[in-house]
């Protein structure tokens, strides 16, 4: 992070702009039609390059995500709320930078991710927005699974 680390009150404008730019570049890929009448539609959906690679924005997206995570980890509730705003607005960015694969890799390497899931749950919102429970509840449930993980 290149700012004053004592002043964590929101998302710097250039970081929010970067997330929105990456989101705009990913959106046409995310909005492509899917022929769900094709019996192999799920296989076809997984074929081809990852959207971050197809759009040529992997480095920018991963850098922006790392910066957001640092703000989220170090910030107070006001800062964490501000970090969630661009993620709520930028659905294509949010979906393309998902982390369930990291959980699977950690489990395959026999790394116990339960403490990490519980630590992130403590920082996460308790507000249930989409009918699946809050992020806090989802992470606590994931920590209770055997093996631990989001899915």
Protein backbone atom coordinates (compact mmCIF):
# COMPACT_ATOMS: atom_id res chain seq x y z
CA UNK A 1 0.00 0.00 0.00
CA UNK A 2 1.41 3.35 -0.92
CA UNK A 3 -0.56 5.74 1.29
CA UNK A 4 -0.55 6.70 4.95
CA UNK A 5 -1.46 3.42 6.62
CA UNK A 6 -2.86 5.29 9.63
CA UNK A 7 -5.60 6.79 7.46
CA UNK A 8 -7.74 3.81 6.50
CA UNK A 9 -11.15 5.37 6.03
CA UNK A 10 -12.10 4.29 2.54
CA UNK A 11 -11.02 3.04 -0.83
CA UNK A 12 -8.60 5.38 -2.65
CA UNK A 13 -10.17 6.82 -5.78
CA UNK A 14 -7.58 5.33 -8.14
CA UNK A 15 -8.17 1.86 -6.67
CA UNK A 16 -11.94 2.17 -7.07
CA UNK A 17 -11.35 3.37 -10.65
CA UNK A 18 -9.10 0.36 -11.35
CA UNK A 19 -11.74 -2.08 -10.03
CA UNK A 20 -14.40 -0.39 -12.17
CA UNK A 21 -12.18 -0.46 -15.27
CA UNK A 22 -11.41 -4.17 -14.84
CA UNK A 23 -15.12 -4.80 -14.24
CA UNK A 24 -16.02 -2.95 -17.47
CA UNK A 25 -13.50 -5.05 -19.44
CA UNK A 26 -14.83 -8.29 -17.93
CA UNK A 27 -18.53 -7.45 -18.30
CA UNK A 28 -18.87 -8.38 -22.01
CA UNK A 29 -17.37 -11.79 -21.22
CA UNK A 30 -19.66 -12.28 -18.23
CA UNK A 31 -22.71 -11.23 -20.25
CA UNK A 32 -22.12 -13.63 -23.15
CA UNK A 33 -25.16 -15.79 -23.79
CA UNK A 34 -25.05 -19.42 -22.65
CA UNK A 35 -27.13 -22.02 -24.51
CA UNK A 36 -28.56 -23.96 -21.59
CA UNK A 37 -30.41 -26.27 -23.99
CA UNK A 38 -27.04 -27.72 -25.01
CA UNK A 39 -26.50 -30.83 -22.85
CA UNK A 40 -22.79 -29.99 -22.62
CA UNK A 41 -23.28 -26.34 -21.65
CA UNK A 42 -21.50 -26.73 -18.30
CA UNK A 43 -18.48 -28.32 -19.99
CA UNK A 44 -18.38 -25.60 -22.65
CA UNK A 45 -18.63 -22.92 -19.95
CA UNK A 46 -15.42 -24.21 -18.37
CA UNK A 47 -13.52 -24.44 -21.64
CA UNK A 48 -11.23 -21.70 -22.80
CA UNK A 49 -9.12 -19.23 -20.89
CA UNK A 50 -10.06 -17.77 -17.53
CA UNK A 51 -11.95 -14.46 -18.01
CA UNK A 52 -9.08 -12.50 -16.41
CA UNK A 53 -6.70 -13.92 -19.02
CA UNK A 54 -9.14 -13.54 -21.91
CA UNK A 55 -9.66 -9.87 -21.05
CA UNK A 56 -5.91 -9.39 -20.48
CA UNK A 57 -6.43 -7.97 -16.98
CA UNK A 58 -5.16 -10.68 -14.62
CA UNK A 59 -2.27 -8.62 -13.21
CA UNK A 60 -4.43 -5.52 -12.71
CA UNK A 61 -7.30 -7.49 -11.15
CA UNK A 62 -5.08 -9.44 -8.77
CA UNK A 63 -3.19 -6.29 -7.73
CA UNK A 64 -6.45 -4.44 -7.08
CA UNK A 65 -7.84 -7.39 -5.13
CA UNK A 66 -4.69 -7.59 -2.97
CA UNK A 67 -4.94 -3.86 -2.22
CA UNK A 68 -8.62 -4.22 -1.30
CA UNK A 69 -7.83 -7.14 1.00
CA UNK A 70 -5.11 -5.15 2.78
CA UNK A 71 -7.56 -2.29 3.34
CA UNK A 72 -10.18 -4.74 4.56
CA UNK A 73 -7.80 -6.47 6.96
CA UNK A 74 -6.30 -3.30 8.43
CA UNK A 75 -9.39 -1.13 8.45
CA UNK A 76 -12.17 -0.52 10.91
CA UNK A 77 -15.81 -1.27 10.13
CA UNK A 78 -16.19 1.98 8.17
CA UNK A 79 -13.22 1.07 5.96
CA UNK A 80 -14.44 -2.52 5.46
CA UNK A 81 -17.85 -1.17 4.47
CA UNK A 82 -16.16 1.16 1.95
CA UNK A 83 -14.19 -1.80 0.52
CA UNK A 84 -17.41 -3.78 0.04
CA UNK A 85 -18.99 -0.95 -2.01
CA UNK A 86 -16.97 -1.42 -5.23
CA UNK A 87 -17.24 -5.19 -4.84
CA UNK A 88 -21.01 -4.89 -4.59
CA UNK A 89 -21.11 -2.61 -7.66
CA UNK A 90 -18.63 -4.53 -9.80
CA UNK A 91 -20.07 -8.02 -10.13
CA UNK A 92 -17.89 -9.11 -13.05
CA UNK A 93 -14.73 -8.18 -11.10
CA UNK A 94 -16.05 -9.93 -7.98
CA UNK A 95 -16.92 -13.16 -9.82
CA UNK A 96 -13.67 -13.31 -11.84
CA UNK A 97 -11.47 -12.83 -8.74
CA UNK A 98 -13.17 -15.50 -6.60
CA UNK A 99 -11.26 -17.52 -4.03
CA UNK A 100 -12.94 -20.96 -3.72
CA UNK A 101 -10.13 -22.45 -5.82
CA UNK A 102 -7.65 -21.30 -3.20
CA UNK A 103 -9.58 -23.20 -0.53
CA UNK A 104 -9.48 -26.34 -2.66
CA UNK A 105 -5.73 -25.97 -3.24
CA UNK A 106 -5.08 -25.43 0.46
CA UNK A 107 -7.12 -28.51 1.39
CA UNK A 108 -5.30 -30.59 -1.24
CA UNK A 109 -2.02 -29.45 0.33
CA UNK A 110 -3.43 -30.48 3.74
CA UNK A 111 -3.43 -26.92 5.05
CA UNK A 112 -6.07 -26.36 7.72
CA UNK A 113 -7.94 -23.25 6.57
CA UNK A 114 -10.43 -23.25 9.45
CA UNK A 115 -8.55 -20.60 11.48
CA UNK A 116 -8.28 -18.35 8.43
CA UNK A 117 -11.98 -18.72 7.59
CA UNK A 118 -12.93 -17.88 11.18
CA UNK A 119 -10.56 -14.89 11.24
CA UNK A 120 -12.04 -13.51 8.02
CA UNK A 121 -15.55 -14.19 9.35
CA UNK A 122 -14.83 -11.90 12.30
CA UNK A 123 -13.98 -9.09 9.87
CA UNK A 124 -16.92 -9.76 7.57
CA UNK A 125 -20.36 -8.26 7.34
CA UNK A 126 -23.16 -9.76 9.43
CA UNK A 127 -25.73 -8.36 6.98
CA UNK A 128 -27.55 -11.01 4.91
CA UNK A 129 -28.11 -9.52 1.45
CA UNK A 130 -28.86 -12.30 -1.02
CA UNK A 131 -30.89 -14.87 0.90
CA UNK A 132 -27.89 -17.12 1.63
CA UNK A 133 -27.00 -15.63 4.99
CA UNK A 134 -24.33 -13.07 5.75
CA UNK A 135 -20.71 -13.49 4.65
CA UNK A 136 -19.90 -13.97 8.32
CA UNK A 137 -22.38 -16.88 8.58
CA UNK A 138 -21.21 -18.45 5.30
CA UNK A 139 -17.57 -18.43 6.41
CA UNK A 140 -18.41 -19.87 9.82
CA UNK A 141 -20.40 -22.68 8.14
CA UNK A 142 -17.48 -23.30 5.77
CA UNK A 143 -15.09 -23.58 8.73
CA UNK A 144 -17.37 -26.22 10.24
CA UNK A 145 -17.38 -28.45 7.15
CA UNK A 146 -15.14 -31.46 6.80
CA UNK A 147 -13.04 -30.77 4.87
CA UNK A 148 -13.27 -27.06 5.54
CA UNK A 149 -13.99 -24.93 2.49
CA UNK A 150 -16.50 -22.72 0.80
CA UNK A 151 -18.04 -25.38 -1.44
